[in-house]
C-alpha atoms as a PDB file:
ATOM      1  CA  MET A   1       0.000   0.000   0.000  1.00  0.00           C
ATOM      2  CA  LEU A   2       1.268   3.481  -0.884  1.00  0.00           C
ATOM      3  CA  VAL A   3       1.108   6.800   0.974  1.00  0.00           C
ATOM      4  CA  MET A   4      -1.265   8.209  -1.657  1.00  0.00           C
ATOM      5  CA  SER A   5      -3.880   5.704  -0.411  1.00  0.00           C
ATOM      6  CA  ALA A   6      -3.928   7.277   3.037  1.00  0.00           C
ATOM      7  CA  MET A   7      -3.671  10.974   2.280  1.00  0.00           C
ATOM      8  CA  VAL A   8      -5.960  13.253   4.300  1.00  0.00           C
ATOM      9  CA  PRO A   9      -8.740  14.509   1.979  1.00  0.00           C
ATOM     10  CA  ASN A  10      -8.646  18.170   3.101  1.00  0.00           C
ATOM     11  CA  PRO A  11      -5.392  18.827   4.941  1.00  0.00           C
ATOM     12  CA  LEU A  12      -5.237  21.861   7.177  1.00  0.00           C
ATOM     13  CA  THR A  13      -2.967  24.539   5.706  1.00  0.00           C
ATOM     14  CA  VAL A  14      -2.098  28.027   6.929  1.00  0.00           C
ATOM     15  CA  SER A  15       0.227  30.840   5.942  1.00  0.00           C
ATOM     16  CA  ALA A  16       3.209  31.949   8.004  1.00  0.00           C
ATOM     17  CA  ASP A  17       1.289  35.135   8.907  1.00  0.00           C
ATOM     18  CA  THR A  18      -1.671  33.248  10.397  1.00  0.00           C
ATOM     19  CA  SER A  19      -2.183  34.110  14.062  1.00  0.00           C
ATOM     20  CA  VAL A  20      -2.022  31.414  16.716  1.00  0.00           C
ATOM     21  CA  LEU A  21      -5.642  32.195  17.603  1.00  0.00           C
ATOM     22  CA  ASP A  22      -6.736  31.646  13.992  1.00  0.00           C
ATOM     23  CA  LEU A  23      -4.701  28.435  13.858  1.00  0.00           C
ATOM     24  CA  VAL A  24      -6.360  27.088  17.012  1.00  0.00           C
ATOM     25  CA  GLU A  25      -9.831  27.992  15.723  1.00  0.00           C
ATOM     26  CA  ARG A  26      -9.113  26.185  12.450  1.00  0.00           C
ATOM     27  CA  VAL A  27      -7.730  23.161  14.309  1.00  0.00           C
ATOM     28  CA  LEU A  28     -10.891  22.968  16.398  1.00  0.00           C
ATOM     29  CA  ASP A  29     -13.063  23.187  13.268  1.00  0.00           C
ATOM     30  CA  SER A  30     -11.047  20.612  11.302  1.00  0.00           C
ATOM     31  CA  ASN A  31     -10.493  17.678  13.678  1.00  0.00           C
ATOM     32  CA  GLN A  32      -6.780  17.873  12.744  1.00  0.00           C
ATOM     33  CA  THR A  33      -4.000  18.751  15.172  1.00  0.00           C
ATOM     34  CA  THR A  34      -1.282  19.828  12.742  1.00  0.00           C
ATOM     35  CA  ALA A  35      -1.313  22.385   9.939  1.00  0.00           C
ATOM     36  CA  VAL A  36       1.086  22.633   7.034  1.00  0.00           C
ATOM     37  CA  VAL A  37       2.507  26.138   6.581  1.00  0.00           C
ATOM     38  CA  LEU A  38       2.668  27.217   2.942  1.00  0.00           C
ATOM     39  CA  ASP A  39       3.832  30.376   1.196  1.00  0.00           C
ATOM     40  CA  ALA A  40       1.699  32.206  -1.395  1.00  0.00           C
ATOM     41  CA  ALA A  41       3.033  29.921  -4.157  1.00  0.00           C
ATOM     42  CA  GLY A  42       2.036  26.788  -2.219  1.00  0.00           C
ATOM     43  CA  GLU A  43       5.603  25.905  -1.227  1.00  0.00           C
ATOM     44  CA  LEU A  44       6.155  24.137   2.080  1.00  0.00           C
ATOM     45  CA  LEU A  45       7.604  26.398   4.802  1.00  0.00           C
ATOM     46  CA  GLY A  46       7.003  24.199   7.830  1.00  0.00           C
ATOM     47  CA  VAL A  47       4.413  22.595  10.059  1.00  0.00           C
ATOM     48  CA  VAL A  48       2.714  23.836  13.215  1.00  0.00           C
ATOM     49  CA  SER A  49       0.808  21.733  15.703  1.00  0.00           C
ATOM     50  CA  VAL A  50      -1.247  22.031  18.838  1.00  0.00           C
ATOM     51  CA  GLU A  51       1.829  20.725  20.641  1.00  0.00           C
ATOM     52  CA  ASP A  52       3.839  23.722  19.368  1.00  0.00           C
ATOM     53  CA  VAL A  53       1.219  26.067  20.813  1.00  0.00           C
ATOM     54  CA  LEU A  54       1.071  24.289  24.164  1.00  0.00           C
ATOM     55  CA  ARG A  55       4.872  24.145  24.372  1.00  0.00           C
ATOM     56  CA  LYS A  56       4.888  27.974  24.305  1.00  0.00           C
ATOM     57  CA  ILE A  57       2.424  28.097  27.190  1.00  0.00           C
ATOM     58  CA  VAL A  58       3.918  25.541  29.578  1.00  0.00           C
ATOM     59  CA  PRO A  59       6.795  27.040  31.605  1.00  0.00           C
ATOM     60  CA  ASN A  60      10.202  25.450  31.080  1.00  0.00           C
ATOM     61  CA  TYR A  61      10.503  24.461  34.728  1.00  0.00           C
ATOM     62  CA  VAL A  62       7.445  22.211  34.374  1.00  0.00           C
ATOM     63  CA  ASN A  63       9.321  20.284  31.690  1.00  0.00           C
ATOM     64  CA  LEU A  64      11.939  19.494  34.325  1.00  0.00           C
ATOM     65  CA  ASP A  65       9.416  18.237  36.883  1.00  0.00           C
ATOM     66  CA  SER A  66       5.730  17.872  36.005  1.00  0.00           C
ATOM     67  CA  GLU A  67       4.748  18.141  39.683  1.00  0.00           C
ATOM     68  CA  LEU A  68       5.793  21.801  39.534  1.00  0.00           C
ATOM     69  CA  ALA A  69       2.633  22.430  37.493  1.00  0.00           C
ATOM     70  CA  SER A  70       0.720  22.460  40.787  1.00  0.00           C
ATOM     71  CA  ILE A  71       2.304  25.807  41.736  1.00  0.00           C
ATOM     72  CA  ILE A  72       0.941  27.586  38.652  1.00  0.00           C
ATOM     73  CA  HIS A  73      -1.852  30.002  39.581  1.00  0.00           C
ATOM     74  CA  GLU A  74      -5.460  29.694  38.459  1.00  0.00           C
ATOM     75  CA  GLY A  75      -5.948  31.458  35.138  1.00  0.00           C
ATOM     76  CA  TYR A  76      -2.311  31.026  34.046  1.00  0.00           C
ATOM     77  CA  PHE A  77      -3.210  29.054  30.934  1.00  0.00           C
ATOM     78  CA  GLU A  78      -5.766  31.635  29.805  1.00  0.00           C
ATOM     79  CA  GLU A  79      -3.331  34.523  30.434  1.00  0.00           C
ATOM     80  CA  LYS A  80      -0.519  32.871  28.493  1.00  0.00           C
ATOM     81  CA  PHE A  81      -2.792  31.941  25.603  1.00  0.00           C
ATOM     82  CA  ALA A  82      -4.092  35.515  25.410  1.00  0.00           C
ATOM     83  CA  GLN A  83      -0.469  36.722  25.161  1.00  0.00           C
ATOM     84  CA  LEU A  84       0.268  34.143  22.458  1.00  0.00           C
ATOM     85  CA  ALA A  85      -2.969  34.562  20.460  1.00  0.00           C
ATOM     86  CA  LYS A  86      -1.685  37.251  18.090  1.00  0.00           C
ATOM     87  CA  THR A  87       1.704  35.604  17.559  1.00  0.00           C
ATOM     88  CA  ARG A  88       2.361  34.612  13.963  1.00  0.00           C
ATOM     89  CA  VAL A  89       2.590  30.913  13.149  1.00  0.00           C
ATOM     90  CA  ALA A  90       6.029  31.598  11.607  1.00  0.00           C
ATOM     91  CA  GLU A  91       7.383  32.227  15.119  1.00  0.00           C
ATOM     92  CA  ILE A  92       6.413  28.820  16.516  1.00  0.00           C
ATOM     93  CA  MET A  93       6.358  26.489  13.501  1.00  0.00           C
ATOM     94  CA  THR A  94       8.823  23.685  12.880  1.00  0.00           C
ATOM     95  CA  LYS A  95      10.892  24.549   9.825  1.00  0.00           C
ATOM     96  CA  GLU A  96      12.885  21.339   9.457  1.00  0.00           C
ATOM     97  CA  VAL A  97      10.149  19.046   8.224  1.00  0.00           C
ATOM     98  CA  VAL A  98      10.274  15.343   7.469  1.00  0.00           C
ATOM     99  CA  THR A  99       8.226  14.620   4.351  1.00  0.00           C
ATOM    100  CA  VAL A 100       7.053  11.615   2.382  1.00  0.00           C
ATOM    101  CA  ALA A 101       6.229  11.107  -1.278  1.00  0.00           C
ATOM    102  CA  PRO A 102       2.868   9.808  -2.493  1.00  0.00           C
ATOM    103  CA  THR A 103       4.672   6.789  -3.946  1.00  0.00           C
ATOM    104  CA  ASP A 104       6.418   5.885  -0.681  1.00  0.00           C
ATOM    105  CA  THR A 105       5.184   2.701   0.932  1.00  0.00           C
ATOM    106  CA  MET A 106       2.870   2.834   3.908  1.00  0.00           C
ATOM    107  CA  ILE A 107       5.361   0.839   5.966  1.00  0.00           C
ATOM    108  CA  ARG A 108       8.008   3.523   5.315  1.00  0.00           C
ATOM    109  CA  ALA A 109       5.619   6.236   6.530  1.00  0.00           C
ATOM    110  CA  VAL A 110       4.668   4.223   9.622  1.00  0.00           C
ATOM    111  CA  THR A 111       8.324   3.526  10.409  1.00  0.00           C
ATOM    112  CA  MET A 112       9.166   7.218  10.064  1.00  0.00           C
ATOM    113  CA  SER A 113       6.247   8.157  12.299  1.00  0.00           C
ATOM    114  CA  VAL A 114       7.293   5.740  15.012  1.00  0.00           C
ATOM    115  CA  HIS A 115      10.978   6.679  14.919  1.00  0.00           C
ATOM    116  CA  ALA A 116      10.578  10.438  14.458  1.00  0.00           C
ATOM    117  CA  GLY A 117       7.601  10.724  16.798  1.00  0.00           C
ATOM    118  CA  HIS A 118       5.635  12.812  14.296  1.00  0.00           C
ATOM    119  CA  LYS A 119       1.901  12.355  13.880  1.00  0.00           C
ATOM    120  CA  THR A 120       1.556  14.198  10.569  1.00  0.00           C
ATOM    121  CA  PHE A 121       3.779  14.251   7.501  1.00  0.00           C
ATOM    122  CA  PRO A 122       3.465  16.579   4.508  1.00  0.00           C
ATOM    123  CA  VAL A 123       3.341  14.680   1.224  1.00  0.00           C
ATOM    124  CA  ILE A 124       5.595  16.206  -1.421  1.00  0.00           C
ATOM    125  CA  ASP A 125       5.523  15.239  -5.096  1.00  0.00           C
ATOM    126  CA  ASN A 126       8.217  16.678  -7.393  1.00  0.00           C
ATOM    127  CA  GLY A 127       8.934  19.426  -4.860  1.00  0.00           C
ATOM    128  CA  ARG A 128       5.279  20.465  -4.476  1.00  0.00           C
ATOM    129  CA  PHE A 129       2.987  20.020  -1.486  1.00  0.00           C
ATOM    130  CA  VAL A 130       0.142  17.657  -2.434  1.00  0.00           C
ATOM    131  CA  GLY A 131      -1.311  16.657   0.935  1.00  0.00           C
ATOM    132  CA  THR A 132      -0.662  15.124   4.329  1.00  0.00           C
ATOM    133  CA  ILE A 133      -0.684  11.712   5.867  1.00  0.00           C
ATOM    134  CA  THR A 134      -1.411  11.098   9.547  1.00  0.00           C
ATOM    135  CA  ARG A 135      -1.340   8.145  11.879  1.00  0.00           C
ATOM    136  CA  ARG A 136      -5.120   8.247  11.852  1.00  0.00           C
ATOM    137  CA  SER A 137      -5.360   8.304   8.032  1.00  0.00           C
ATOM    138  CA  ILE A 138      -3.012   5.326   7.884  1.00  0.00           C
ATOM    139  CA  LEU A 139      -5.161   3.367  10.322  1.00  0.00           C
ATOM    140  CA  ARG A 140      -8.281   4.204   8.290  1.00  0.00           C
ATOM    141  CA  CYS A 141      -6.678   2.470   5.309  1.00  0.00           C
ATOM    142  CA  VAL A 142      -5.508  -0.647   7.064  1.00  0.00           C
ATOM    143  CA  VAL A 143      -8.289  -1.346   9.576  1.00  0.00           C
ATOM    144  CA  PRO A 144     -11.450  -2.661   7.923  1.00  0.00           C
ATOM    145  CA  ARG A 145     -14.639  -1.087   9.272  1.00  0.00           C
ATOM    146  CA  SER A 146     -18.160  -2.222   8.785  1.00  0.00           C
ATOM    147  CA  VAL A 147     -20.696   0.339   7.650  1.00  0.00           C
END
C-alpha cells in the first residue's frame, strides 16, 4: 500500500502570517492537530501543531518536573494563551520538516512516524505540497470497518 492511499482529503494549511488564535480555531473546526505552513506559491515552509502552541504556554521548569505544574496560579493558561494569540505561526512552527512522497510505501511512513515521533507528515511530489498523511489516516486504510 502506498502513501497516496492514506492521504488526508482536506489537509489543514495556513500561511506563516496566520495568528495562533486563527490556527487554534481552524484546528478545532477541522479535527486535525497539525497544519502545514505554505507560502503564497504553495511551497512548504514548515508545520505547526497544537503541541507547538502548548509548548509555548507551559513554563520550562514544568518540563523538568511535572509536579511543579501544581504551583501555577489559576488562570495562568488563559493569560498565556491571550499573550500568544496574536503571535504569527512563523514564530512557533517547525521549519525542518520530514516529508514523504505519495509513492512511498505505507510501511516507510509508519516507520518514520514511530521513529521520528511525528503524527503528521506533509506529502511532497516533485517538490510540491500535495497533501498530508497522519497516523489516523493510515489506520483508516488498514483497519477494515463495517458500515
